[in-house]
Amino acid sequence: MYLSSTNIYDIIITTSTLLTLLYASVSDVKSREVHELIWIPPLLISITLNIIQGTYSNIRMLAFSLLPALLIFILSIANLMGGADALALLLIGLAHPKFLLIPISFIALIVSLIPPLILMLSYLIINIIKYSSIFKEIKCINGVKSKYLLMFLGKPISIKSYLTSKFLYPLTIPKISGFHCRTMFSNDEVEEKIRNEILELVNKGLIDSNSKIIVTPALPHILFILLGYIVGILIPQQVLFDFVRRLFTGV
């Protein structure tokens, strides 16, 4: 449990990481954007103090701690996650490379995935119970062909509501003869273009602003990573390690 550490270096590293993730979470909630420069000071602090302590001497342990950041970075290239999410996990991995049972970066990643998974499950349940008729009427003329996959990813709202919303992105983009269906949204420039195209169709009277489209939210994932980090530094890993050892060895 890192918060109980009396090592001044560990306290400084944990405090700088925690404060940075807190600031980044507030920014992510407000604008879904986090400036890259905010990660530089805590990264320098973590790297410098860990080098002084010799914490990076175990290369395998360090590599394992950095694996979550690498995984999210790969997903960010495919627009499945944000680049700031990868930087947040990189900071955690470099801040706490040593572990007994599981790296704190892995704990942060696992916990951060729980809210999106709960949201996906709730979408599926609500869409089956309440909106199944809307999904039956969706005609995907291009993009993803399985419209029922979207039941996990979003919910129906009116085009009018979408056009006045923030942080909501269409998974069924209306066209004159049907929908372009997709499972993820793109960057801000592409999404603004899509919003303007839909608004133009509405203004021309080619689609009804009260008709439904499936939308998905941009989640403040760094907030979930922060929650995972707090869980990670609070978990008494020595206790868990001893429990697992006794469970498998009886010693």
Protein backbone atom coordinates (compact mmCIF):
# COMPACT_ATOMS: atom_id res chain seq x y z
CA MET A 1 0.00 0.00 0.00
CA TYR A 2 1.90 3.02 -1.30
CA LEU A 3 0.04 5.62 0.78
CA SER A 4 1.50 4.08 3.95
CA SER A 5 5.09 4.40 2.69
CA THR A 6 7.45 6.50 4.80
CA ASN A 7 9.94 6.82 1.92
CA ILE A 8 9.97 10.51 1.01
CA TYR A 9 10.71 9.68 -2.63
CA ASP A 10 7.68 7.38 -2.86
CA ILE A 11 5.50 10.03 -1.22
CA ILE A 12 6.65 12.67 -3.72
CA ILE A 13 6.10 10.32 -6.69
CA THR A 14 2.65 9.25 -5.52
CA THR A 15 1.57 12.82 -4.72
CA SER A 16 2.71 14.24 -8.07
CA THR A 17 1.06 11.36 -9.96
CA LEU A 18 -2.18 11.68 -8.02
CA LEU A 19 -2.38 15.47 -8.47
CA THR A 20 -1.64 15.20 -12.20
CA LEU A 21 -4.31 12.55 -12.72
CA LEU A 22 -6.77 14.64 -10.73
CA TYR A 23 -6.08 17.73 -12.87
CA ALA A 24 -6.26 15.69 -16.06
CA SER A 25 -9.56 14.13 -14.94
CA VAL A 26 -11.13 17.54 -14.38
CA SER A 27 -9.97 18.66 -17.81
CA ASP A 28 -11.23 15.42 -19.38
CA VAL A 29 -14.67 15.78 -17.76
CA LYS A 30 -15.00 19.41 -18.85
CA SER A 31 -13.73 19.25 -22.42
CA ARG A 32 -12.67 15.65 -23.18
CA GLU A 33 -9.25 17.12 -23.91
CA VAL A 34 -6.03 16.98 -21.87
CA HIS A 35 -2.96 18.99 -22.80
CA GLU A 36 0.10 16.82 -23.39
CA LEU A 37 2.45 19.15 -21.48
CA ILE A 38 0.86 18.43 -18.09
CA TRP A 39 2.42 14.94 -18.12
CA ILE A 40 6.02 16.16 -18.43
CA PRO A 41 6.67 17.34 -14.81
CA PRO A 42 5.35 14.19 -13.07
CA LEU A 43 7.11 11.97 -15.60
CA LEU A 44 10.42 13.74 -14.92
CA ILE A 45 9.83 13.50 -11.16
CA SER A 46 8.98 9.79 -11.33
CA ILE A 47 11.88 8.88 -13.61
CA THR A 48 14.44 10.93 -11.68
CA LEU A 49 13.48 9.72 -8.21
CA ASN A 50 13.15 6.10 -9.30
CA ILE A 51 16.59 6.22 -10.93
CA ILE A 52 18.03 7.65 -7.70
CA GLN A 53 16.46 4.75 -5.78
CA GLY A 54 17.52 2.17 -8.35
CA THR A 55 13.91 1.11 -8.83
CA TYR A 56 14.35 0.48 -12.55
CA SER A 57 17.02 -2.19 -12.02
CA ASN A 58 14.50 -4.98 -12.69
CA ILE A 59 13.91 -4.50 -16.42
CA ARG A 60 11.29 -7.27 -16.69
CA MET A 61 9.24 -5.79 -13.88
CA LEU A 62 9.47 -2.33 -15.45
CA ALA A 63 8.45 -3.68 -18.86
CA PHE A 64 5.44 -5.46 -17.34
CA SER A 65 4.39 -2.23 -15.61
CA LEU A 66 4.58 -0.35 -18.92
CA LEU A 67 2.57 -2.95 -20.86
CA PRO A 68 -0.86 -1.33 -20.16
CA ALA A 69 0.41 1.96 -21.61
CA LEU A 70 1.63 0.15 -24.72
CA LEU A 71 -1.70 -1.63 -25.17
CA ILE A 72 -3.68 1.59 -24.87
CA PHE A 73 -1.25 3.41 -27.17
CA ILE A 74 -1.91 0.79 -29.86
CA LEU A 75 -5.66 1.20 -29.35
CA SER A 76 -5.30 5.00 -29.55
CA ILE A 77 -3.72 4.67 -33.00
CA ALA A 78 -6.93 2.94 -34.10
CA ASN A 79 -9.03 5.71 -32.44
CA LEU A 80 -10.36 3.20 -29.90
CA MET A 81 -8.82 5.07 -26.95
CA GLY A 82 -7.38 8.52 -26.35
CA GLY A 83 -3.70 9.30 -26.43
CA ALA A 84 -3.97 10.92 -23.00
CA ASP A 85 -5.18 7.58 -21.59
CA ALA A 86 -1.93 5.98 -22.75
CA LEU A 87 0.09 8.83 -21.21
CA ALA A 88 -1.77 8.44 -17.90
CA LEU A 89 -0.91 4.73 -17.77
CA LEU A 90 2.66 5.47 -18.86
CA LEU A 91 3.00 7.83 -15.90
CA ILE A 92 1.61 5.22 -13.50
CA GLY A 93 3.87 2.52 -14.93
CA LEU A 94 6.99 4.67 -14.61
CA ALA A 95 5.96 5.95 -11.18
CA HIS A 96 5.40 2.49 -9.69
CA PRO A 97 7.45 -0.12 -11.56
CA LYS A 98 7.87 -2.48 -8.60
CA PHE A 99 5.11 -4.80 -7.41
CA LEU A 100 4.51 -8.02 -5.49
CA LEU A 101 1.47 -9.44 -7.25
CA ILE A 102 0.24 -7.12 -10.03
CA PRO A 103 1.49 -3.71 -11.25
CA ILE A 104 -0.49 -0.67 -10.18
CA SER A 105 -0.74 0.26 -13.86
CA PHE A 106 -2.61 -3.00 -14.51
CA ILE A 107 -4.93 -2.38 -11.57
CA ALA A 108 -5.63 1.13 -12.89
CA LEU A 109 -6.37 -0.24 -16.37
CA ILE A 110 -8.63 -3.04 -15.14
CA VAL A 111 -10.64 -0.74 -12.85
CA SER A 112 -10.91 1.89 -15.60
CA LEU A 113 -12.57 -0.64 -17.91
CA ILE A 114 -15.35 -1.47 -15.43
CA PRO A 115 -17.52 1.68 -15.99
CA PRO A 116 -17.51 1.32 -19.83
CA LEU A 117 -18.38 -2.38 -19.53
CA ILE A 118 -21.25 -1.59 -17.15
CA LEU A 119 -22.46 1.09 -19.57
CA MET A 120 -22.35 -1.35 -22.49
CA LEU A 121 -24.36 -3.91 -20.52
CA SER A 122 -26.93 -1.27 -19.54
CA TYR A 123 -27.22 -0.17 -23.19
CA LEU A 124 -27.89 -3.75 -24.25
CA ILE A 125 -30.57 -4.28 -21.62
CA ILE A 126 -32.31 -0.94 -22.28
CA ASN A 127 -32.16 -1.33 -26.06
CA ILE A 128 -33.61 -4.84 -25.96
CA ILE A 129 -36.41 -3.89 -23.58
CA LYS A 130 -37.26 -0.42 -24.85
CA TYR A 131 -35.78 0.26 -28.29
CA SER A 132 -35.69 -3.06 -30.15
CA SER A 133 -38.21 -1.78 -32.73
CA ILE A 134 -35.93 1.16 -33.57
CA PHE A 135 -32.97 -1.15 -34.20
CA LYS A 136 -35.11 -3.36 -36.45
CA GLU A 137 -35.83 -0.34 -38.68
CA ILE A 138 -32.17 0.66 -39.09
CA LYS A 139 -30.92 0.11 -42.64
CA CYS A 140 -27.12 0.12 -42.80
CA ILE A 141 -26.26 0.93 -46.42
CA ASN A 142 -22.50 1.01 -45.71
CA GLY A 143 -20.05 0.62 -42.87
CA VAL A 144 -20.87 -2.00 -40.23
CA LYS A 145 -23.48 -4.45 -41.49
CA SER A 146 -24.53 -5.90 -38.14
CA LYS A 147 -26.79 -3.18 -36.73
CA TYR A 148 -27.47 -5.25 -33.61
CA LEU A 149 -23.82 -4.84 -32.58
CA LEU A 150 -24.70 -1.20 -31.94
CA MET A 151 -27.04 -2.29 -29.13
CA PHE A 152 -23.94 -2.65 -26.93
CA LEU A 153 -22.45 0.71 -27.88
CA GLY A 154 -25.13 3.38 -27.76
CA LYS A 155 -28.77 4.33 -27.48
CA PRO A 156 -31.35 6.07 -29.72
CA ILE A 157 -32.00 9.80 -29.41
CA SER A 158 -33.59 12.27 -31.79
CA ILE A 159 -31.44 14.06 -34.34
CA LYS A 160 -32.61 17.31 -32.77
CA SER A 161 -31.21 16.26 -29.39
CA TYR A 162 -27.96 15.11 -30.96
CA LEU A 163 -27.41 18.44 -32.72
CA THR A 164 -27.69 20.32 -29.42
CA SER A 165 -25.64 17.85 -27.35
CA LYS A 166 -22.01 17.71 -26.24
CA PHE A 167 -19.77 14.65 -26.25
CA LEU A 168 -22.30 12.49 -28.12
CA TYR A 169 -21.40 10.98 -31.49
CA PRO A 170 -23.63 9.19 -34.02
CA LEU A 171 -23.06 5.51 -34.73
CA THR A 172 -25.81 5.61 -37.35
CA ILE A 173 -25.08 8.57 -39.62
CA PRO A 174 -28.26 9.39 -41.58
CA LYS A 175 -28.14 9.42 -45.35
CA ILE A 176 -31.00 9.92 -47.79
CA SER A 177 -31.50 6.19 -48.39
CA GLY A 178 -30.39 4.78 -45.02
CA PHE A 179 -27.53 4.98 -42.56
CA HIS A 180 -23.78 4.76 -42.52
CA CYS A 181 -23.25 2.51 -39.50
CA ARG A 182 -20.04 2.45 -37.44
CA THR A 183 -18.82 1.18 -34.09
CA MET A 184 -16.60 4.11 -33.09
CA PHE A 185 -16.29 7.84 -33.57
CA SER A 186 -13.38 9.73 -35.12
CA ASN A 187 -11.42 12.90 -34.38
CA ASP A 188 -13.00 16.30 -33.75
CA GLU A 189 -12.58 17.55 -37.32
CA VAL A 190 -14.33 14.52 -38.83
CA GLU A 191 -17.11 14.63 -36.24
CA GLU A 192 -17.74 18.33 -36.85
CA LYS A 193 -18.03 17.61 -40.57
CA ILE A 194 -20.52 14.83 -39.88
CA ARG A 195 -22.57 17.10 -37.61
CA ASN A 196 -22.70 19.79 -40.31
CA GLU A 197 -23.74 17.26 -42.95
CA ILE A 198 -26.60 16.02 -40.76
CA LEU A 199 -27.66 19.60 -40.02
CA GLU A 200 -27.68 20.35 -43.76
CA LEU A 201 -29.94 17.35 -44.44
CA VAL A 202 -32.32 18.57 -41.74
CA ASN A 203 -32.36 22.14 -43.07
CA LYS A 204 -33.10 20.88 -46.59
CA GLY A 205 -35.98 18.81 -45.25
CA LEU A 206 -34.42 15.55 -46.44
CA ILE A 207 -34.52 13.99 -42.97
CA ASP A 208 -36.79 14.62 -39.98
CA SER A 209 -35.09 16.18 -36.95
CA ASN A 210 -37.35 14.08 -34.72
CA SER A 211 -36.20 10.80 -36.23
CA LYS A 212 -33.89 8.63 -34.15
CA ILE A 213 -30.20 7.89 -34.53
CA ILE A 214 -27.92 5.76 -32.36
CA VAL A 215 -25.33 7.79 -30.45
CA THR A 216 -22.45 6.89 -28.16
CA PRO A 217 -20.78 9.13 -25.57
CA ALA A 218 -17.14 10.15 -25.33
CA LEU A 219 -16.32 8.98 -21.83
CA PRO A 220 -13.85 10.79 -19.52
CA HIS A 221 -11.64 7.72 -19.30
CA ILE A 222 -8.84 9.41 -17.38
CA LEU A 223 -11.29 9.85 -14.51
CA PHE A 224 -11.71 6.06 -14.47
CA ILE A 225 -7.93 5.62 -14.59
CA LEU A 226 -7.65 7.95 -11.59
CA LEU A 227 -10.13 5.79 -9.69
CA GLY A 228 -8.12 2.71 -10.66
CA TYR A 229 -4.91 4.37 -9.50
CA ILE A 230 -6.44 5.20 -6.12
CA VAL A 231 -7.56 1.58 -5.77
CA GLY A 232 -4.06 0.44 -6.76
CA ILE A 233 -2.23 2.51 -4.16
CA LEU A 234 -4.72 1.57 -1.45
CA ILE A 235 -4.65 -2.19 -2.03
CA PRO A 236 -2.39 -3.90 0.56
CA GLN A 237 -0.43 -5.98 -1.96
CA GLN A 238 1.66 -7.68 0.73
CA VAL A 239 -1.53 -9.04 2.31
CA LEU A 240 -2.82 -10.20 -1.08
CA PHE A 241 0.54 -11.73 -1.95
CA ASP A 242 0.67 -13.67 1.32
CA PHE A 243 -2.93 -14.85 0.82
CA VAL A 244 -2.27 -16.07 -2.73
CA ARG A 245 0.96 -17.78 -1.64
CA ARG A 246 -0.82 -19.62 1.16
CA LEU A 247 -3.67 -20.50 -1.17
CA PHE A 248 -1.38 -22.22 -3.70
CA THR A 249 1.46 -23.44 -1.50
CA GLY A 250 -0.10 -23.87 1.92
CA VAL A 251 2.89 -22.09 3.44
